[in-house]
Each structure stands twice: as structure tokens, then as C-alpha cells.
Amino acid sequence: MNRRELLQSAALIAVLPMLGHAQTAPAGDVATTAHDAYIHLFPMVENYLSIYQWMLDPSGSQYKGPPNAVHNEARVYTPADTGVVTPNSDTPYSYLMMDLRAEPLVLTLPQIEPGRYYSAQLIDLYTDNVDYLGTRVDGNDGGDFLIAGPDWKGDPPKGVKRVIQMPTHLALAFFRTQLMGPDDMPRVQEIQKGYLAEPLSSFTGAAAPPAAPAIEWPRISRETAQPDFWKYANFLLQFAPPLPWENDLRARFATIGIAPGAPWPPEGMTPETLAAITTAADAAKAELEDRAHKLTSSAGMFGTPEELRGKDVERAVAALAGLYGNSTAEALYPNFPLDAQGNPLDGSKSNYRLTFTKDAMPPVDAFWSVTMYDGKTRFLVDNPLNRYLINSPMLPGLKTAQDGSLTLYLQHESPGPDLETNWLPAPDGPMNVVMRLYLPKPAAIDGSWKQPPLEPVPK
């Protein structure tokens, strides 16, 4: 029996004695447990939806390449990129899905020039930001970094700068490389070529350990993610050992059949119990949607497993509204859920003005941006300029007022040739606007600087 089969057997042994309790427990207890389990596991399933499209489905339109190799995009995101919600269009991405079951990987970052931002965000299966490589933490000198799974024990080889142990067997490294302007892409490509991933045995020249068992990845899509949620959750839990404080939580989830590798629905679950769990999941999703629409900032929404302990709702809302968002020290995301008059943003009803005074520009040590999204899909918006954001590298080409203030025009129709430099095209309907502050200064983090309101201008 291989390791995966052992895990499944152990899960079933743990679950079966408790399923009878779940069948006879008050419906309210089952519903509450299902609600809490859904909130806790939603980021994991949402994560898998993106990972599957990028690295596990070669036939899909979003496919980048297989696991355990870095895949570069020498471009910024456009509306055609639907593998992740609210993507940035500031920094060309590089992707690495890490399967750490057999052995660690060694990640390499190249040395780059001062003044350019780059990072590798190390994300576990729960979407916690376990650590970072790059400008903020390590500077721009590059180096080799060992990324290990939860069971690895060993000494790092010479030359490795740091060891980062991930709490889950499957993980993601998300690289961002600052683009200084349209003519800067060749330099970004050169930097991206220096992002490398290599098995530890290859890095040291040692014999490779036995390969991990092959995985039969269940197909997932946006259409199946909700109705088959529990099937995906049980599959993914095999690769996410309980964190030190999660054992009681996992035992509670197991009472309704939610456990690593367990089949869904469990044998013997009554239609009434299954219906109660399904209803609770749908209600939890609606709750997350409601909270996401009211979100004004990413502060406290992203972080390490320790920082997000007990913050399942925040972590789930973050995964829904901005999957793979950075921790606050790396980047801050002020959102605009409503206009200055308290109304939802809608490009079919109003035009909008966003004005920064000369002395209150976004305080950052790297750069900032304002990005437009469709309010329903949370994807970038098609427009005649192919412009999806306005960011600080564009400042020399933007028009400012005599007092030094900067006004951006967020609207569906052009504000006219004289103002088009400052135009951020909006959809002809519900819209969502997100700022990004990379390496935010203390004034942004402590709240002494706040984003200006979006002022509506009736059409």
C-alpha cells in the first residue's frame, strides 16, 4: 500500500465511526460545522482552481507548464487571462507549482540592479504567504534558496542562503518582476531567465530519492468548484497536514465526512444531511461574496499561517476578492467598494474622478498602481486603449493641474483627447477598482495616509 492509500485508509478509519453521529446530530450542528469547514477550506479549493488551470491541464487556455519548473510570462496580464481573479497588470508573472513530497527544491533568483522590485511569494495550499524571496527580504543580490515540505529533515547544502519549510506538500511560488515601461520588457525577460527551480538532489549531485506516488488530479472548473466543493476539499487535504492548532478543527470536520482522501459524499450519509451541508456551503459562499463587496483594504487579509490563525473568514474573503494577494509589508491593496456618496461603482451610470494632491501621493518605496476590473467577474476590462491600469511609472506622461494634483478619469467613454492620457477605461456596468502599493511606507500601513474617494460625475 503506497503513502496515498495509507492516508486515505487512515482518513476513512477516522471518519467512519463519526458519520453515524453526523447522521443523528441536530441539523443545526451539521450546518454549523459545514459552514465553518467551507470558510476554512474555500481558499484551498480556489487555489486548486488556479493551479489546475496553470500547471495540470495542458489542454486548457491558461496552461503555463508542468509542476516543479518555473514558467515565465514576458507580458502583463490582459482580459484574456482568467486563471486568477483580480490579477495585477503591473508586473510580468512567473509561476512555479511545487510538489515537495519527494524532496525539496532549490529556487534561484538572479542578481538585479538596485531600484527595481522583484519577489518570489511562497504560498502554501491554504493560500497563506509563508515567506518571501527578493527585494524586501533579501535585497537584489539574488541567490539560492531551499524550499522544503513539511516532513523534510536535513542540513542545507553550502551556498544556500535560506531554508523555507512549507507546511503543505503542494505549494506555489509566484514571481513578480517590475516593468519600468513598455520598452523595458527585454530586461524583464532577461531577469526571468534567471528564475530557476532544481530538485535538491540535482543541485548537490546526489542520487535522487524515490519518486512520490503519481497523483490523479481531479478536473476542476469555475462551474464545478461550488457543486463539487467537498470532493475537491477532501482530495486536497491529503497534501495539507494539520497545523499545530488545527487538530480539534480537523476532528470536528471529520464528523461530517470532511477528511483527507475520504470519498464524497460518504457512504451512508442521508439525503437530508447532504442537503443541509450543501445549503450551508451555499450560504457561506454568499456570506463571503457580501463581505468581499464591502472590502476597503487588504490590511490583515494576507499573511503567514501564524498571522492568519483564527482568521478563516478574512483568509477566505481575501481568496475570493484577490487570490494570492501579498502580505501587507510587501504590498497593500486599498479597494474602492463604493463611491464618495456611498453607492456601488457602475460605469453605465456615472463617470468617476480620483484625485491625488501633490503632497498626498501614495507613499511607497517601490511603486503604486490603480487597476480597473469588471465588477462581476473580477477580471480585467477590454477597452480601446488596451489600458488596464495607471501606475507610478506612467507619471511622466500624465497631466497634472497647476497645483500639482493628479486627477484620473475612470469611466466607460473617453473623457476627450486632451484628457485621454489620464483615462482608465471602465466597463459599461458594475466595476471594481483596486490600488496596489508595493513596499508601502509606514504612513500607508498605519492608516495615516488614506486613498482619496472616487467622486461620481453623473453622465
Protein backbone atom coordinates (compact mmCIF):
# COMPACT_ATOMS: atom_id res chain seq x y z
CA MET A 1 0.00 0.00 0.00
CA ASN A 2 1.52 3.36 -1.01
CA ARG A 3 1.57 6.50 1.07
CA ARG A 4 -1.51 7.99 -0.55
CA GLU A 5 -3.51 4.80 0.06
CA LEU A 6 -2.38 4.77 3.66
CA LEU A 7 -3.55 8.35 4.08
CA GLN A 8 -6.92 7.52 2.56
CA SER A 9 -7.33 4.45 4.76
CA ALA A 10 -6.41 6.41 7.87
CA ALA A 11 -8.89 9.11 6.90
CA LEU A 12 -11.67 6.60 6.41
CA ILE A 13 -10.91 4.85 9.70
CA ALA A 14 -11.12 8.23 11.43
CA VAL A 15 -14.33 9.25 9.69
CA LEU A 16 -16.48 6.13 9.66
CA PRO A 17 -17.14 5.90 13.41
CA MET A 18 -18.23 9.52 13.43
CA LEU A 19 -20.53 9.50 10.43
CA GLY A 20 -23.27 7.90 12.45
CA HIS A 21 -23.04 10.81 14.83
CA ALA A 22 -23.32 13.21 11.90
CA GLN A 23 -26.45 11.45 10.66
CA THR A 24 -28.18 11.75 14.04
CA ALA A 25 -26.76 15.12 15.11
CA PRO A 26 -29.16 18.07 15.10
CA ALA A 27 -29.35 19.66 11.67
CA GLY A 28 -28.08 22.90 13.15
CA ASP A 29 -24.86 21.23 14.33
CA VAL A 30 -24.23 19.71 10.90
CA ALA A 31 -24.95 23.02 9.19
CA THR A 32 -22.66 24.96 11.53
CA THR A 33 -19.83 22.51 11.05
CA ALA A 34 -20.30 22.58 7.27
CA HIS A 35 -20.36 26.39 7.27
CA ASP A 36 -17.13 26.60 9.24
CA ALA A 37 -15.46 23.92 7.13
CA TYR A 38 -16.42 25.70 3.93
CA ILE A 39 -14.96 29.00 5.14
CA HIS A 40 -11.78 27.24 6.29
CA LEU A 41 -11.28 25.27 3.07
CA PHE A 42 -12.55 27.76 0.47
CA PRO A 43 -9.07 29.27 -0.16
CA MET A 44 -7.63 25.80 -0.72
CA VAL A 45 -10.21 24.92 -3.39
CA GLU A 46 -9.89 28.35 -5.02
CA ASN A 47 -6.12 27.85 -5.05
CA TYR A 48 -6.51 24.47 -6.73
CA LEU A 49 -8.74 26.00 -9.41
CA SER A 50 -5.89 28.31 -10.45
CA ILE A 51 -3.13 25.72 -10.05
CA TYR A 52 -5.09 23.20 -12.13
CA GLN A 53 -5.53 25.66 -15.00
CA TRP A 54 -1.90 26.79 -14.92
CA MET A 55 0.04 23.56 -14.35
CA LEU A 56 -2.22 20.50 -14.52
CA ASP A 57 -4.40 20.91 -17.61
CA PRO A 58 -2.26 21.04 -20.77
CA SER A 59 -5.38 21.31 -22.91
CA GLY A 60 -6.59 24.49 -21.21
CA SER A 61 -6.22 28.08 -22.42
CA GLN A 62 -4.46 29.18 -19.20
CA TYR A 63 -1.81 26.43 -19.15
CA LYS A 64 1.75 27.56 -18.35
CA GLY A 65 3.66 24.28 -17.91
CA PRO A 66 4.19 21.30 -15.59
CA PRO A 67 4.96 21.36 -11.83
CA ASN A 68 8.47 21.86 -10.39
CA ALA A 69 9.62 24.14 -13.21
CA VAL A 70 9.46 27.93 -13.49
CA HIS A 71 7.25 29.25 -16.29
CA ASN A 72 7.63 32.89 -17.34
CA GLU A 73 5.18 35.31 -18.90
CA ALA A 74 7.07 38.06 -20.74
CA ARG A 75 4.00 40.30 -20.73
CA VAL A 76 1.49 41.82 -18.37
CA TYR A 77 -1.99 40.42 -17.82
CA THR A 78 -4.93 41.26 -20.10
CA PRO A 79 -8.66 40.39 -20.06
CA ALA A 80 -7.77 37.08 -21.74
CA ASP A 81 -6.12 35.91 -18.50
CA THR A 82 -8.82 34.28 -16.40
CA GLY A 83 -6.78 31.83 -14.33
CA VAL A 84 -6.96 34.04 -11.23
CA VAL A 85 -9.31 36.79 -10.09
CA THR A 86 -8.17 40.44 -9.76
CA PRO A 87 -4.76 39.85 -11.34
CA ASN A 88 -2.25 42.68 -11.41
CA SER A 89 -1.11 44.11 -14.73
CA ASP A 90 1.96 45.83 -13.26
CA THR A 91 4.47 43.03 -13.04
CA PRO A 92 5.01 40.21 -15.52
CA TYR A 93 4.45 36.96 -13.66
CA SER A 94 6.48 33.79 -13.38
CA TYR A 95 4.89 30.66 -11.94
CA LEU A 96 6.13 27.63 -10.07
CA MET A 97 3.91 24.89 -8.64
CA MET A 98 5.98 22.94 -6.14
CA ASP A 99 5.38 19.26 -5.40
CA LEU A 100 7.59 18.81 -2.33
CA ARG A 101 6.62 15.25 -1.42
CA ALA A 102 9.77 13.53 -2.66
CA GLU A 103 12.42 16.17 -1.88
CA PRO A 104 12.97 19.92 -1.54
CA LEU A 105 13.52 22.29 -4.43
CA VAL A 106 16.27 24.89 -4.68
CA LEU A 107 15.00 28.20 -6.08
CA THR A 108 17.44 30.63 -7.68
CA LEU A 109 16.94 34.37 -8.10
CA PRO A 110 19.39 36.35 -10.24
CA GLN A 111 21.17 39.47 -9.07
CA ILE A 112 19.45 42.56 -10.46
CA GLU A 113 20.05 46.31 -10.45
CA PRO A 114 19.08 48.47 -7.43
CA GLY A 115 15.83 50.35 -7.82
CA ARG A 116 13.89 47.54 -9.50
CA TYR A 117 11.44 45.48 -7.45
CA TYR A 118 11.24 41.70 -7.71
CA SER A 119 9.92 38.98 -5.43
CA ALA A 120 9.00 35.34 -5.12
CA GLN A 121 5.90 34.90 -2.95
CA LEU A 122 5.87 31.44 -1.33
CA ILE A 123 2.26 30.34 -0.89
CA ASP A 124 1.05 27.16 0.79
CA LEU A 125 -2.01 25.17 -0.22
CA TYR A 126 -4.19 27.22 2.14
CA THR A 127 -3.01 30.43 0.36
CA ASP A 128 -1.00 31.61 3.38
CA ASN A 129 2.10 33.62 2.45
CA VAL A 130 4.70 31.52 4.23
CA ASP A 131 7.67 33.68 3.20
CA TYR A 132 9.17 35.88 0.50
CA LEU A 133 12.35 35.95 -1.51
CA GLY A 134 13.61 39.09 -3.18
CA THR A 135 13.87 42.84 -2.74
CA ARG A 136 12.20 43.41 0.63
CA VAL A 137 13.63 40.40 2.49
CA ASP A 138 16.88 39.57 0.71
CA GLY A 139 17.71 42.65 -1.33
CA ASN A 140 18.50 42.46 -5.05
CA ASP A 141 21.63 40.30 -4.89
CA GLY A 142 19.79 37.07 -5.72
CA GLY A 143 20.99 33.65 -4.56
CA ASP A 144 19.89 30.06 -3.95
CA PHE A 145 17.09 29.22 -1.50
CA LEU A 146 15.96 25.79 -0.32
CA ILE A 147 12.18 25.22 -0.22
CA ALA A 148 11.21 22.07 1.72
CA GLY A 149 7.97 20.28 2.50
CA PRO A 150 6.58 19.70 6.00
CA ASP A 151 8.30 16.33 6.53
CA TRP A 152 11.81 17.20 5.35
CA LYS A 153 14.67 16.91 7.79
CA GLY A 154 18.22 17.60 6.75
CA ASP A 155 21.04 20.07 6.51
CA PRO A 156 21.09 22.63 3.72
CA PRO A 157 24.00 22.40 1.29
CA LYS A 158 26.67 25.06 1.14
CA GLY A 159 25.72 28.13 -0.80
CA VAL A 160 22.06 28.11 0.16
CA LYS A 161 21.11 31.47 1.63
CA ARG A 162 17.98 30.43 3.49
CA VAL A 163 15.75 27.40 4.12
CA ILE A 164 11.97 27.86 4.00
CA GLN A 165 9.86 24.93 5.17
CA MET A 166 6.37 24.91 3.72
CA PRO A 167 3.55 23.49 5.89
CA THR A 168 1.89 21.75 2.91
CA HIS A 169 3.26 19.25 0.41
CA LEU A 170 1.95 21.24 -2.55
CA ALA A 171 2.80 24.92 -2.77
CA LEU A 172 3.16 27.81 -5.20
CA ALA A 173 5.91 30.32 -5.88
CA PHE A 174 4.63 33.44 -7.56
CA PHE A 175 7.35 35.66 -9.03
CA ARG A 176 6.78 39.35 -9.79
CA THR A 177 9.26 41.44 -11.79
CA GLN A 178 8.75 45.19 -12.02
CA LEU A 179 8.23 46.51 -15.54
CA MET A 180 9.51 50.07 -15.86
CA GLY A 181 7.65 50.75 -19.11
CA PRO A 182 6.73 49.21 -22.49
CA ASP A 183 10.36 49.37 -23.69
CA ASP A 184 11.59 47.57 -20.56
CA MET A 185 10.28 44.11 -21.43
CA PRO A 186 13.61 42.80 -22.81
CA ARG A 187 15.24 43.48 -19.44
CA VAL A 188 12.36 41.75 -17.64
CA GLN A 189 12.81 38.72 -19.90
CA GLU A 190 16.50 38.64 -19.08
CA ILE A 191 15.71 38.67 -15.35
CA GLN A 192 13.06 35.97 -15.74
CA LYS A 193 15.58 33.64 -17.36
CA GLY A 194 17.44 33.69 -14.03
CA TYR A 195 14.47 32.29 -12.07
CA LEU A 196 15.30 28.60 -11.67
CA ALA A 197 13.96 25.61 -9.73
CA GLU A 198 16.00 22.45 -9.25
CA PRO A 199 15.49 19.33 -7.09
CA LEU A 200 17.85 19.28 -4.12
CA SER A 201 19.48 16.04 -5.32
CA SER A 202 20.26 17.62 -8.67
CA PHE A 203 21.61 20.76 -7.01
CA THR A 204 24.00 18.72 -4.84
CA GLY A 205 24.75 15.98 -7.37
CA ALA A 206 23.38 13.28 -5.06
CA ALA A 207 21.20 10.33 -6.02
CA ALA A 208 17.55 11.25 -6.37
CA PRO A 209 15.16 9.79 -3.78
CA PRO A 210 12.27 7.55 -4.88
CA ALA A 211 9.63 9.45 -6.80
CA ALA A 212 6.43 10.36 -4.99
CA PRO A 213 3.31 8.39 -5.99
CA ALA A 214 1.56 9.65 -9.10
CA ILE A 215 -1.50 11.82 -8.44
CA GLU A 216 -4.76 11.59 -10.34
CA TRP A 217 -5.72 15.26 -10.40
CA PRO A 218 -9.49 15.78 -10.41
CA ARG A 219 -10.68 18.11 -13.14
CA ILE A 220 -11.99 21.42 -11.82
CA SER A 221 -13.56 24.47 -13.41
CA ARG A 222 -15.34 27.60 -12.25
CA GLU A 223 -18.62 25.75 -12.93
CA THR A 224 -17.75 22.69 -10.82
CA ALA A 225 -15.88 24.37 -7.96
CA GLN A 226 -19.01 25.04 -5.90
CA PRO A 227 -21.20 21.97 -6.55
CA ASP A 228 -18.23 19.60 -6.11
CA PHE A 229 -16.56 21.64 -3.38
CA TRP A 230 -16.35 18.88 -0.76
CA LYS A 231 -14.90 16.38 -3.23
CA TYR A 232 -12.07 18.82 -4.00
CA ALA A 233 -11.58 19.69 -0.34
CA ASN A 234 -11.14 16.05 0.71
CA PHE A 235 -8.74 15.43 -2.16
CA LEU A 236 -6.59 18.45 -1.25
CA LEU A 237 -6.50 17.75 2.48
CA GLN A 238 -4.19 14.80 1.71
CA PHE A 239 -1.45 17.32 0.94
CA ALA A 240 -2.07 19.63 3.91
CA PRO A 241 -1.13 18.12 7.30
CA PRO A 242 -2.93 19.84 10.18
CA LEU A 243 -1.17 22.89 11.52
CA PRO A 244 -0.31 22.58 15.24
CA TRP A 245 -3.54 24.31 16.27
CA GLU A 246 -5.83 22.53 13.79
CA ASN A 247 -6.22 19.02 15.19
CA ASP A 248 -9.50 19.70 17.02
CA LEU A 249 -10.84 21.53 13.98
CA ARG A 250 -9.99 18.65 11.67
CA ALA A 251 -11.65 16.16 14.06
CA ARG A 252 -14.79 18.29 14.05
CA PHE A 253 -14.85 18.42 10.24
CA ALA A 254 -14.43 14.65 10.09
CA THR A 255 -17.77 14.18 11.88
CA ILE A 256 -19.48 15.17 8.63
CA GLY A 257 -17.12 13.27 6.33
CA ILE A 258 -14.60 16.00 5.56
CA ALA A 259 -11.18 14.34 5.86
CA PRO A 260 -8.02 13.70 3.80
CA GLY A 261 -8.71 11.44 0.83
CA ALA A 262 -12.19 10.46 2.02
CA PRO A 263 -14.85 9.88 -0.64
CA TRP A 264 -17.66 12.40 -1.05
CA PRO A 265 -20.42 12.01 -0.20
CA PRO A 266 -19.59 9.45 2.48
CA GLU A 267 -21.31 6.09 2.31
CA GLY A 268 -24.41 6.11 4.47
CA MET A 269 -24.90 9.89 4.55
CA THR A 270 -28.63 10.59 4.41
CA PRO A 271 -30.08 12.88 1.72
CA GLU A 272 -31.23 15.22 4.49
CA THR A 273 -27.72 15.60 5.90
CA LEU A 274 -26.22 16.08 2.44
CA ALA A 275 -28.82 18.74 1.68
CA ALA A 276 -28.07 20.54 4.95
CA ILE A 277 -24.32 20.56 4.15
CA THR A 278 -24.95 21.81 0.60
CA THR A 279 -27.23 24.58 1.84
CA ALA A 280 -24.66 25.62 4.45
CA ALA A 281 -21.94 25.79 1.78
CA ASP A 282 -24.07 27.97 -0.47
CA ALA A 283 -24.90 30.27 2.44
CA ALA A 284 -21.22 30.53 3.37
CA LYS A 285 -20.32 31.43 -0.23
CA ALA A 286 -22.98 34.17 -0.22
CA GLU A 287 -21.57 35.49 3.04
CA LEU A 288 -18.09 35.68 1.53
CA GLU A 289 -19.42 37.46 -1.56
CA ASP A 290 -21.18 40.03 0.59
CA ARG A 291 -18.05 40.69 2.65
CA ALA A 292 -15.87 40.90 -0.46
CA HIS A 293 -18.08 43.61 -1.96
CA LYS A 294 -17.59 45.70 1.19
CA LEU A 295 -13.82 45.27 1.39
CA THR A 296 -11.90 48.57 1.56
CA SER A 297 -8.34 47.38 2.22
CA SER A 298 -6.21 44.26 2.21
CA ALA A 299 -4.67 45.08 5.60
CA GLY A 300 -4.79 41.97 7.80
CA MET A 301 -6.21 39.81 4.99
CA PHE A 302 -2.99 38.12 3.83
CA GLY A 303 -0.09 36.75 5.85
CA THR A 304 1.68 33.74 7.30
CA PRO A 305 -0.17 30.77 8.82
CA GLU A 306 0.61 32.18 12.26
CA GLU A 307 -0.63 35.65 11.38
CA LEU A 308 -3.89 34.26 9.99
CA ARG A 309 -4.54 31.80 12.81
CA GLY A 310 -8.19 32.17 13.78
CA LYS A 311 -8.88 34.43 10.78
CA ASP A 312 -10.59 31.96 8.47
CA VAL A 313 -13.18 34.49 7.30
CA GLU A 314 -10.52 37.06 6.41
CA ARG A 315 -8.46 34.46 4.57
CA ALA A 316 -11.49 33.24 2.62
CA VAL A 317 -12.66 36.74 1.68
CA ALA A 318 -9.12 37.52 0.55
CA ALA A 319 -9.06 34.41 -1.65
CA LEU A 320 -12.39 35.38 -3.20
CA ALA A 321 -11.60 39.06 -3.75
CA GLY A 322 -7.88 38.89 -4.53
CA LEU A 323 -6.36 35.43 -4.62
CA TYR A 324 -2.58 35.40 -3.98
CA GLY A 325 -2.55 38.91 -2.57
CA ASN A 326 0.65 39.98 -0.86
CA SER A 327 1.21 40.38 2.84
CA THR A 328 0.93 43.99 3.97
CA ALA A 329 4.67 44.58 4.30
CA GLU A 330 5.10 43.51 0.67
CA ALA A 331 2.09 45.25 -0.85
CA LEU A 332 -1.09 46.95 0.34
CA TYR A 333 -4.32 46.93 -1.65
CA PRO A 334 -6.72 49.80 -0.95
CA ASN A 335 -10.08 48.95 -2.54
CA PHE A 336 -12.98 51.12 -3.62
CA PRO A 337 -16.19 49.17 -2.91
CA LEU A 338 -18.31 52.36 -3.07
CA ASP A 339 -18.04 55.88 -4.46
CA ALA A 340 -17.78 59.03 -2.33
CA GLN A 341 -21.59 59.10 -1.97
CA GLY A 342 -21.80 55.51 -0.76
CA ASN A 343 -23.10 54.00 -3.99
CA PRO A 344 -21.76 50.88 -5.77
CA LEU A 345 -19.45 51.64 -8.67
CA ASP A 346 -21.15 51.38 -12.07
CA GLY A 347 -19.65 52.67 -15.31
CA SER A 348 -23.06 52.72 -17.01
CA LYS A 349 -24.43 55.21 -14.51
CA SER A 350 -21.55 57.51 -13.60
CA ASN A 351 -18.11 58.71 -14.54
CA TYR A 352 -15.58 58.91 -11.71
CA ARG A 353 -12.67 61.14 -10.73
CA LEU A 354 -9.79 60.08 -8.50
CA THR A 355 -7.60 62.99 -7.43
CA PHE A 356 -4.28 62.85 -5.59
CA THR A 357 -3.00 66.12 -4.20
CA LYS A 358 0.65 66.95 -4.74
CA ASP A 359 1.52 66.23 -1.10
CA ALA A 360 -0.60 63.08 -0.73
CA MET A 361 0.57 60.74 -3.46
CA PRO A 362 0.58 57.06 -2.46
CA PRO A 363 3.54 56.53 -0.09
CA VAL A 364 5.67 53.63 -1.37
CA ASP A 365 9.27 52.52 -1.56
CA ALA A 366 8.66 50.67 -4.85
CA PHE A 367 5.67 51.76 -6.97
CA TRP A 368 1.88 52.10 -6.94
CA SER A 369 -0.98 51.49 -9.38
CA VAL A 370 -4.75 51.81 -9.87
CA THR A 371 -6.33 48.89 -11.75
CA MET A 372 -9.81 48.53 -13.24
CA TYR A 373 -11.84 45.28 -13.07
CA ASP A 374 -15.23 44.11 -14.15
CA GLY A 375 -17.43 44.19 -11.06
CA LYS A 376 -18.98 40.79 -11.77
CA THR A 377 -16.09 38.65 -12.98
CA ARG A 378 -13.19 40.45 -11.23
CA PHE A 379 -11.18 40.17 -14.45
CA LEU A 380 -9.53 42.98 -16.39
CA VAL A 381 -11.69 45.04 -18.75
CA ASP A 382 -11.43 45.13 -22.56
CA ASN A 383 -11.09 48.69 -23.85
CA PRO A 384 -9.94 50.56 -26.98
CA LEU A 385 -6.67 51.68 -25.37
CA ASN A 386 -5.73 48.21 -24.08
CA ARG A 387 -5.05 50.05 -20.82
CA TYR A 388 -5.93 48.20 -17.65
CA LEU A 389 -4.20 50.35 -15.05
CA ILE A 390 -2.43 53.61 -14.39
CA ASN A 391 0.73 53.32 -12.30
CA SER A 392 3.53 55.48 -10.97
CA PRO A 393 6.00 54.61 -13.77
CA MET A 394 3.50 56.36 -16.09
CA LEU A 395 3.62 59.64 -14.14
CA PRO A 396 5.93 61.49 -16.56
CA GLY A 397 3.31 61.05 -19.30
CA LEU A 398 0.29 62.05 -17.19
CA LYS A 399 -1.21 65.55 -16.98
CA THR A 400 -1.22 67.37 -13.64
CA ALA A 401 -3.02 70.54 -12.58
CA GLN A 402 -1.29 73.83 -11.81
CA ASP A 403 -1.35 73.00 -8.10
CA GLY A 404 0.49 69.73 -8.79
CA SER A 405 -2.53 67.49 -8.19
CA LEU A 406 -3.20 64.45 -10.36
CA THR A 407 -6.72 63.51 -11.48
CA LEU A 408 -7.51 60.15 -13.06
CA TYR A 409 -10.68 59.70 -15.13
CA LEU A 410 -12.35 56.33 -14.52
CA GLN A 411 -15.21 55.98 -16.98
CA HIS A 412 -16.51 53.93 -19.89
CA GLU A 413 -16.35 56.61 -22.59
CA SER A 414 -13.25 58.65 -23.39
CA PRO A 415 -13.02 61.96 -21.47
CA GLY A 416 -11.75 63.55 -24.69
CA PRO A 417 -8.40 63.70 -26.48
CA ASP A 418 -6.93 66.26 -24.08
CA LEU A 419 -7.57 64.05 -21.03
CA GLU A 420 -7.05 60.59 -22.50
CA THR A 421 -3.56 60.30 -21.00
CA ASN A 422 -5.26 60.16 -17.58
CA TRP A 423 -8.14 57.89 -18.64
CA LEU A 424 -8.59 54.48 -17.04
CA PRO A 425 -11.33 52.80 -19.10
CA ALA A 426 -14.21 51.25 -17.15
CA PRO A 427 -16.85 48.65 -18.09
CA ASP A 428 -20.33 49.70 -19.13
CA GLY A 429 -21.73 48.30 -15.90
CA PRO A 430 -20.58 47.23 -12.42
CA MET A 431 -16.89 47.89 -11.85
CA ASN A 432 -14.24 47.25 -9.22
CA VAL A 433 -11.16 49.41 -8.59
CA VAL A 434 -8.08 48.26 -6.70
CA MET A 435 -4.96 50.20 -5.79
CA ARG A 436 -1.63 48.45 -5.24
CA LEU A 437 1.10 49.91 -3.09
CA TYR A 438 4.31 47.88 -3.44
CA LEU A 439 6.60 48.16 -0.41
CA PRO A 440 4.20 50.57 1.30
CA LYS A 441 5.67 53.14 3.66
CA PRO A 442 4.55 53.29 7.33
CA ALA A 443 2.01 56.05 6.57
CA ALA A 444 0.10 53.65 4.32
CA ILE A 445 0.33 50.72 6.74
CA ASP A 446 -0.70 52.61 9.89
CA GLY A 447 -3.57 54.37 8.13
CA SER A 448 -2.30 57.95 8.42
CA TRP A 449 -2.44 58.04 4.60
CA LYS A 450 -5.75 57.05 3.07
CA GLN A 451 -6.75 56.70 -0.54
CA PRO A 452 -8.87 59.60 -1.82
CA PRO A 453 -12.53 58.86 -2.58
CA LEU A 454 -13.88 58.15 -6.04
CA GLU A 455 -16.02 61.14 -6.89
CA PRO A 456 -19.01 60.31 -9.14
CA VAL A 457 -19.90 62.59 -12.04
CA PRO A 458 -23.38 61.90 -13.47
CA LYS A 459 -23.45 61.23 -17.19
